[in-house]
Each structure stands twice: as structure tokens, then as C-alpha cells.
Amino acid sequence: MYKINLITMSDITGFVKACENVKGRVELFCKNSGYRVNAKSMLGAVAAMEFEDLYVDSDVDIYSAIEPWVMTQGEDGNYIHE
């Protein structure tokens, strides 16, 4: 599970294309509400932009595929996008 940052339509398009190549389940979800959508779906990814905190969950480790959108936790506990 990784916290991710999708801001623009270009982000969404690239993220969805990266997820399409992953075998198995890949979902975007909001920890607070529990809502989940298919990360391989353009419509799902656009809808997920409304989530308060956006995370990705998968059956396999997909870090290398989605690294450009992953946020890392800084020393102060806040997330940053490098």
C-alpha cells in the first residue's frame, strides 16, 4: 500500500497506463471513507481524485511501476512528493 499523488490528467493517464500492465488487482482507495475503485480504469482514477487521502493497493508489489506518483513520509511525519 502506497500513498500517491495524482494532480493532473497527465498524472492520471500515466498512472492508469502503468497499472494496466500489472497482473492482478490494483485499487485506489481512501483510508478515511473506505471507498475503492479500479486503478486500471480511467474513470475510476478520475473519480478517486475526490478522495481525501489517496492510496493504491495491489495483489503484487507495484512500486517500480508507480514510483513517479508515490509520496514518501518525511522526518516530520508529513508526506512529500519528490
C-alpha atoms as a PDB file:
ATOM      1  CA  MET A   1       0.000   0.000   0.000  1.00  0.00           C
ATOM      2  CA  TYR A   2       1.383   3.373  -1.038  1.00  0.00           C
ATOM      3  CA  LYS A   3       0.085   6.909  -0.675  1.00  0.00           C
ATOM      4  CA  ILE A   4       0.045   8.534  -4.098  1.00  0.00           C
ATOM      5  CA  ASN A   5      -0.390  11.937  -5.654  1.00  0.00           C
ATOM      6  CA  LEU A   6      -2.491  12.383  -8.800  1.00  0.00           C
ATOM      7  CA  ILE A   7      -2.950  16.061  -9.668  1.00  0.00           C
ATOM      8  CA  THR A   8      -3.325  16.421 -13.427  1.00  0.00           C
ATOM      9  CA  MET A   9      -4.978  14.426 -16.200  1.00  0.00           C
ATOM     10  CA  SER A  10      -1.456  13.625 -17.381  1.00  0.00           C
ATOM     11  CA  ASP A  11      -0.757  12.086 -13.956  1.00  0.00           C
ATOM     12  CA  ILE A  12      -3.927  10.013 -14.176  1.00  0.00           C
ATOM     13  CA  THR A  13      -3.248   8.853 -17.729  1.00  0.00           C
ATOM     14  CA  GLY A  14       0.311   7.786 -16.900  1.00  0.00           C
ATOM     15  CA  PHE A  15      -0.730   6.109 -13.656  1.00  0.00           C
ATOM     16  CA  VAL A  16      -3.558   4.129 -15.265  1.00  0.00           C
ATOM     17  CA  LYS A  17      -1.273   3.017 -18.121  1.00  0.00           C
ATOM     18  CA  ALA A  18       1.321   1.842 -15.573  1.00  0.00           C
ATOM     19  CA  CYS A  19      -1.346  -0.080 -13.638  1.00  0.00           C
ATOM     20  CA  GLU A  20      -2.774  -1.720 -16.766  1.00  0.00           C
ATOM     21  CA  ASN A  21       0.484  -3.660 -17.142  1.00  0.00           C
ATOM     22  CA  VAL A  22       0.238  -5.123 -13.626  1.00  0.00           C
ATOM     23  CA  LYS A  23      -1.221  -8.607 -13.310  1.00  0.00           C
ATOM     24  CA  GLY A  24      -3.978  -8.948 -10.744  1.00  0.00           C
ATOM     25  CA  ARG A  25      -5.935  -6.467  -8.657  1.00  0.00           C
ATOM     26  CA  VAL A  26      -4.868  -2.823  -8.375  1.00  0.00           C
ATOM     27  CA  GLU A  27      -7.173  -0.456  -6.490  1.00  0.00           C
ATOM     28  CA  LEU A  28      -7.182   3.181  -5.469  1.00  0.00           C
ATOM     29  CA  PHE A  29      -8.766   3.791  -2.095  1.00  0.00           C
ATOM     30  CA  CYS A  30      -9.463   6.350   0.585  1.00  0.00           C
ATOM     31  CA  LYS A  31      -8.439   5.254   4.090  1.00  0.00           C
ATOM     32  CA  ASN A  32     -10.989   7.520   5.755  1.00  0.00           C
ATOM     33  CA  SER A  33     -14.108   6.555   3.810  1.00  0.00           C
ATOM     34  CA  GLY A  34     -13.150   3.057   2.670  1.00  0.00           C
ATOM     35  CA  TYR A  35     -14.165   3.805  -0.935  1.00  0.00           C
ATOM     36  CA  ARG A  36     -12.281   1.740  -3.521  1.00  0.00           C
ATOM     37  CA  VAL A  37     -12.079   1.986  -7.305  1.00  0.00           C
ATOM     38  CA  ASN A  38     -10.245   0.043 -10.005  1.00  0.00           C
ATOM     39  CA  ALA A  39      -6.862   1.719 -10.613  1.00  0.00           C
ATOM     40  CA  LYS A  40      -6.772   0.269 -14.130  1.00  0.00           C
ATOM     41  CA  SER A  41      -9.832   2.333 -15.034  1.00  0.00           C
ATOM     42  CA  MET A  42      -9.511   5.900 -16.278  1.00  0.00           C
ATOM     43  CA  LEU A  43     -12.976   6.683 -14.899  1.00  0.00           C
ATOM     44  CA  GLY A  44     -12.067   5.134 -11.547  1.00  0.00           C
ATOM     45  CA  ALA A  45      -8.852   7.152 -11.308  1.00  0.00           C
ATOM     46  CA  VAL A  46     -10.644  10.401 -12.171  1.00  0.00           C
ATOM     47  CA  ALA A  47     -13.275   9.665  -9.505  1.00  0.00           C
ATOM     48  CA  ALA A  48     -10.531   8.888  -6.982  1.00  0.00           C
ATOM     49  CA  MET A  49      -9.191  12.436  -7.275  1.00  0.00           C
ATOM     50  CA  GLU A  50     -12.046  13.374  -4.945  1.00  0.00           C
ATOM     51  CA  PHE A  51     -10.739  11.062  -2.196  1.00  0.00           C
ATOM     52  CA  GLU A  52      -9.354  12.843   0.853  1.00  0.00           C
ATOM     53  CA  ASP A  53      -6.232  10.652   1.061  1.00  0.00           C
ATOM     54  CA  LEU A  54      -5.374   8.589  -1.994  1.00  0.00           C
ATOM     55  CA  TYR A  55      -3.676   5.212  -1.620  1.00  0.00           C
ATOM     56  CA  VAL A  56      -3.025   2.330  -4.000  1.00  0.00           C
ATOM     57  CA  ASP A  57      -3.327  -1.340  -3.034  1.00  0.00           C
ATOM     58  CA  SER A  58      -2.371  -4.329  -5.170  1.00  0.00           C
ATOM     59  CA  ASP A  59      -2.014  -8.096  -5.109  1.00  0.00           C
ATOM     60  CA  VAL A  60       1.663  -7.691  -6.071  1.00  0.00           C
ATOM     61  CA  ASP A  61       4.384  -5.136  -5.302  1.00  0.00           C
ATOM     62  CA  ILE A  62       3.980  -2.396  -7.913  1.00  0.00           C
ATOM     63  CA  TYR A  63       6.316   0.238  -6.510  1.00  0.00           C
ATOM     64  CA  SER A  64       8.633   0.246  -9.530  1.00  0.00           C
ATOM     65  CA  ALA A  65       5.674   0.774 -11.881  1.00  0.00           C
ATOM     66  CA  ILE A  66       4.082   3.632  -9.906  1.00  0.00           C
ATOM     67  CA  GLU A  67       7.153   5.265  -8.316  1.00  0.00           C
ATOM     68  CA  PRO A  68       6.635   8.648 -10.056  1.00  0.00           C
ATOM     69  CA  TRP A  69       3.331   9.092  -8.186  1.00  0.00           C
ATOM     70  CA  VAL A  70       4.314   7.679  -4.764  1.00  0.00           C
ATOM     71  CA  MET A  71       4.540  10.094  -1.860  1.00  0.00           C
ATOM     72  CA  THR A  72       7.141   9.474   0.835  1.00  0.00           C
ATOM     73  CA  GLN A  73       6.847  10.261   4.511  1.00  0.00           C
ATOM     74  CA  GLY A  74       9.273  12.912   5.711  1.00  0.00           C
ATOM     75  CA  GLU A  75      11.037  13.059   9.069  1.00  0.00           C
ATOM     76  CA  ASP A  76       8.228  15.212  10.459  1.00  0.00           C
ATOM     77  CA  GLY A  77       5.611  12.575   9.566  1.00  0.00           C
ATOM     78  CA  ASN A  78       4.138  14.580   6.700  1.00  0.00           C
ATOM     79  CA  TYR A  79       4.018  13.155   3.192  1.00  0.00           C
ATOM     80  CA  ILE A  80       6.007  14.747   0.403  1.00  0.00           C
ATOM     81  CA  HIS A  81       6.138  14.116  -3.308  1.00  0.00           C
ATOM     82  CA  GLU A  82       9.704  14.104  -4.610  1.00  0.00           C
END
